[in-house]
Protein backbone atom coordinates (compact mmCIF):
# COMPACT_ATOMS: atom_id res chain seq x y z
CA MET A 1 -78.04 160.12 3.78
CA SER A 2 -78.37 160.56 7.56
CA GLN A 3 -81.02 158.59 9.42
CA PRO A 4 -83.80 160.40 11.30
CA PRO A 5 -83.38 160.50 15.10
CA GLU A 6 -84.86 157.71 17.19
CA LEU A 7 -86.20 160.21 19.72
CA THR A 8 -87.35 163.79 19.32
CA VAL A 9 -88.53 165.80 22.33
CA ASP A 10 -90.09 169.25 21.92
CA LEU A 11 -91.92 170.23 25.10
CA THR A 12 -93.20 173.57 26.32
CA GLN A 13 -94.06 172.36 29.82
CA VAL A 14 -94.39 169.27 32.03
CA HIS A 15 -96.65 169.50 35.07
CA ALA A 16 -98.10 167.35 37.85
CA GLY A 17 -101.35 168.34 39.50
CA GLY A 18 -101.18 171.70 37.78
CA VAL A 19 -97.71 172.45 39.22
CA PRO A 20 -95.01 173.06 36.57
CA ILE A 21 -92.07 170.65 36.91
CA LEU A 22 -90.19 171.17 33.65
CA GLY A 23 -90.08 174.17 31.36
CA ALA A 24 -89.38 174.22 27.63
CA LEU A 25 -87.12 171.36 26.51
CA SER A 26 -86.03 170.40 23.02
CA PHE A 27 -83.54 167.73 21.95
CA SER A 28 -83.16 164.63 19.79
CA LEU A 29 -81.33 161.34 20.13
CA SER A 30 -79.90 159.22 17.34
CA ALA A 31 -79.20 155.49 17.05
CA GLY A 32 -76.01 154.48 18.84
CA GLU A 33 -75.93 157.68 20.89
CA THR A 34 -76.11 157.93 24.69
CA LEU A 35 -77.45 161.14 26.22
CA ALA A 36 -77.13 161.71 29.97
CA LEU A 37 -79.55 163.92 31.88
CA THR A 38 -78.04 165.20 35.12
CA GLY A 39 -79.20 167.54 37.86
CA PRO A 40 -80.11 167.48 41.56
CA SER A 41 -82.65 165.09 43.02
CA GLY A 42 -86.24 166.21 42.50
CA ILE A 43 -85.47 168.42 39.51
CA GLY A 44 -87.65 166.35 37.16
CA LYS A 45 -85.23 163.95 35.44
CA SER A 46 -87.27 160.82 36.15
CA THR A 47 -90.50 162.63 35.25
CA LEU A 48 -89.07 163.44 31.82
CA LEU A 49 -88.22 159.77 31.31
CA ARG A 50 -91.79 158.85 32.26
CA VAL A 51 -93.13 161.36 29.72
CA ILE A 52 -91.00 159.79 27.00
CA ALA A 53 -92.08 156.28 28.06
CA GLY A 54 -95.74 157.29 27.91
CA LEU A 55 -96.21 156.90 31.68
CA HIS A 56 -96.85 160.59 32.44
CA ARG A 57 -99.44 162.49 30.43
CA GLY A 58 -99.21 165.89 32.07
CA TYR A 59 -97.28 167.80 29.45
CA ALA A 60 -97.64 170.19 26.55
CA GLY A 61 -95.63 169.62 23.38
CA GLN A 62 -94.58 166.64 21.32
CA VAL A 63 -92.59 163.47 21.87
CA GLN A 64 -91.72 161.22 18.94
CA ALA A 65 -90.32 157.89 20.09
CA PRO A 66 -90.13 154.43 18.49
CA GLU A 67 -92.54 151.68 19.47
CA ALA A 68 -89.67 149.49 20.67
CA VAL A 69 -88.76 151.17 23.98
CA ALA A 70 -87.27 149.49 27.06
CA MET A 71 -86.90 151.09 30.48
CA VAL A 72 -84.75 150.20 33.48
CA PHE A 73 -85.95 151.74 36.74
CA GLN A 74 -83.98 152.68 39.86
CA GLU A 75 -85.26 149.55 41.61
CA PRO A 76 -85.36 146.26 39.68
CA THR A 77 -88.96 145.58 38.64
CA LEU A 78 -88.66 141.81 38.37
CA LEU A 79 -91.25 139.06 38.73
CA PRO A 80 -90.37 137.75 42.21
CA TRP A 81 -92.08 134.38 41.73
CA ARG A 82 -90.31 133.53 38.44
CA SER A 83 -86.72 132.53 37.73
CA ALA A 84 -84.13 134.80 36.17
CA ARG A 85 -84.57 132.91 32.89
CA ASP A 86 -88.34 133.23 33.01
CA ASN A 87 -88.10 136.94 33.79
CA LEU A 88 -86.48 137.36 30.39
CA ILE A 89 -88.73 134.97 28.47
CA ILE A 90 -92.03 136.25 29.89
CA ALA A 91 -91.18 139.95 29.56
CA THR A 92 -89.61 139.86 26.09
CA ARG A 93 -91.00 136.65 24.54
CA CYS A 94 -87.45 135.65 23.66
CA SER A 95 -86.53 131.99 23.20
CA VAL A 96 -84.79 129.87 25.83
CA SER A 97 -81.55 130.07 23.85
CA GLU A 98 -81.86 133.86 23.55
CA ALA A 99 -82.46 134.12 27.28
CA ALA A 100 -79.34 132.04 27.88
CA HIS A 101 -77.39 134.37 25.57
CA TRP A 102 -78.39 137.50 27.47
CA LEU A 103 -77.86 135.91 30.88
CA ALA A 104 -74.36 134.98 29.77
CA ALA A 105 -73.80 138.54 28.56
CA VAL A 106 -74.36 139.83 32.11
CA GLU A 107 -72.54 136.90 33.74
CA LEU A 108 -75.66 135.33 35.25
CA SER A 109 -75.59 131.95 33.52
CA ASP A 110 -75.18 130.23 36.88
CA HIS A 111 -78.27 132.04 38.21
CA ALA A 112 -80.71 131.16 35.40
CA GLY A 113 -82.91 129.12 37.75
CA HIS A 114 -82.69 131.49 40.72
CA MET A 115 -85.57 133.62 41.90
CA PRO A 116 -84.87 137.37 42.25
CA ARG A 117 -85.03 137.12 46.06
CA GLN A 118 -82.12 134.66 45.90
CA MET A 119 -79.98 137.23 44.07
CA SER A 120 -78.09 140.27 45.33
CA LEU A 121 -79.14 143.80 44.33
CA GLY A 122 -76.25 143.93 41.88
CA GLN A 123 -77.34 140.65 40.30
CA GLN A 124 -80.94 141.85 40.08
CA ARG A 125 -79.77 144.97 38.29
CA ARG A 126 -77.74 142.86 35.87
CA LEU A 127 -80.90 140.88 35.18
CA SER A 128 -82.86 144.10 34.60
CA LEU A 129 -80.28 145.24 32.04
CA ALA A 130 -80.33 141.84 30.33
CA ARG A 131 -84.13 141.97 30.14
CA ALA A 132 -84.04 145.45 28.61
CA PHE A 133 -81.56 144.46 25.91
CA ALA A 134 -83.33 141.15 25.26
CA ALA A 135 -86.37 143.20 24.22
CA LYS A 136 -84.27 144.55 21.32
CA PRO A 137 -85.31 148.16 21.85
CA ARG A 138 -84.52 151.03 19.54
CA LEU A 139 -84.69 153.38 22.53
CA LEU A 140 -83.42 152.49 26.00
CA LEU A 141 -84.40 154.61 29.02
CA LEU A 142 -82.25 154.20 32.14
CA ASP A 143 -83.43 155.81 35.38
CA GLU A 144 -80.40 155.88 37.68
CA PRO A 145 -79.74 152.14 37.20
CA PHE A 146 -76.53 152.19 39.27
CA VAL A 147 -77.73 154.29 42.22
CA SER A 148 -77.06 153.08 45.81
CA LEU A 149 -74.33 150.66 44.70
CA ASP A 150 -70.87 150.94 46.24
CA PRO A 151 -68.27 152.51 43.89
CA GLY A 152 -66.66 149.22 42.93
CA LEU A 153 -69.94 147.53 42.08
CA ALA A 154 -71.22 150.63 40.25
CA ASP A 155 -68.05 150.62 38.15
CA GLU A 156 -68.57 146.93 37.41
CA MET A 157 -72.20 147.54 36.41
CA MET A 158 -71.19 150.37 34.08
CA GLY A 159 -68.80 147.97 32.41
CA VAL A 160 -71.65 145.46 31.96
CA PHE A 161 -73.79 148.17 30.36
CA GLU A 162 -70.96 149.23 28.05
CA GLY A 163 -70.53 145.64 26.91
CA LEU A 164 -74.24 145.27 26.16
CA ARG A 165 -74.44 148.62 24.39
CA ALA A 166 -71.48 147.71 22.17
CA ARG A 167 -73.55 144.84 20.72
CA THR A 168 -76.33 147.14 19.51
CA GLU A 169 -77.09 150.51 17.94
CA VAL A 170 -79.65 151.39 20.60
CA ALA A 171 -80.27 155.05 21.40
CA THR A 172 -79.94 155.50 25.17
CA LEU A 173 -81.22 158.19 27.51
CA LEU A 174 -79.56 157.91 30.93
CA VAL A 175 -80.79 159.77 34.01
CA THR A 176 -78.11 160.18 36.68
CA HIS A 177 -77.00 162.56 39.40
CA ASP A 178 -73.41 161.28 39.12
CA SER A 179 -71.29 163.46 36.80
CA ARG A 180 -68.54 160.81 36.66
CA GLU A 181 -71.07 158.24 35.47
CA ALA A 182 -72.46 160.67 32.88
CA ASN A 183 -69.03 161.59 31.52
CA ARG A 184 -68.00 157.95 31.25
CA LEU A 185 -71.11 156.59 29.55
CA ALA A 186 -72.58 159.44 27.52
CA THR A 187 -71.72 160.99 24.17
CA ARG A 188 -73.60 164.12 25.31
CA VAL A 189 -74.54 165.44 28.76
CA PHE A 190 -77.44 167.80 29.53
CA ARG A 191 -77.91 169.31 32.99
CA LEU A 192 -81.37 170.28 34.23
CA ALA A 193 -81.56 173.35 36.47
CA GLY A 194 -84.02 176.00 37.66
CA ARG A 195 -87.72 176.02 38.59
CA PRO A 196 -89.37 174.88 36.41
CA ALA A 197 -86.31 173.01 35.20
CA ARG A 198 -84.72 173.58 31.81
CA ILE A 199 -81.56 172.40 30.10
CA ALA A 200 -78.80 174.58 31.51
CA ALA A 201 -76.33 176.25 29.15
């Protein structure tokens, strides 16, 4: 018997300050699946992620998501005054050994005691991914996590994500403007277009 989807979205409209941003949208996402949302900047991709995460209340319709949700933003949202290890432990309440496991998974074992400001942007983004997976989410929301990286580093980061994803059955919703990134990482790709935006055919 098939399992119910981890995420079900059935919206008639998303708005901000009374201005429609997204039109009718309907889709679901199952465990182990990665869905990419593409479209031009400003079309409403990040807003949709915020609706699903419970961070944007201006919408009509229904969103059914699990309680265990982790989100990775465009810019790493790390605790600047705590070490890489502590960023995992404080945010996810994982053990020291679990933190070490996830730091090793993103090749940051040698940076466990470093503060975020002592790490490069690429290393901070690795830490953000490790923190998200350490939370053991059933749904993972990624808001352009590889944006502004040079092609080589972006390719390396995608490989890190693929390695982490292979360890779990997490359902993943990826927002990206990069079609190459979407085609590489996603099992399905939806493109948002129009005003207000809808899933294009």
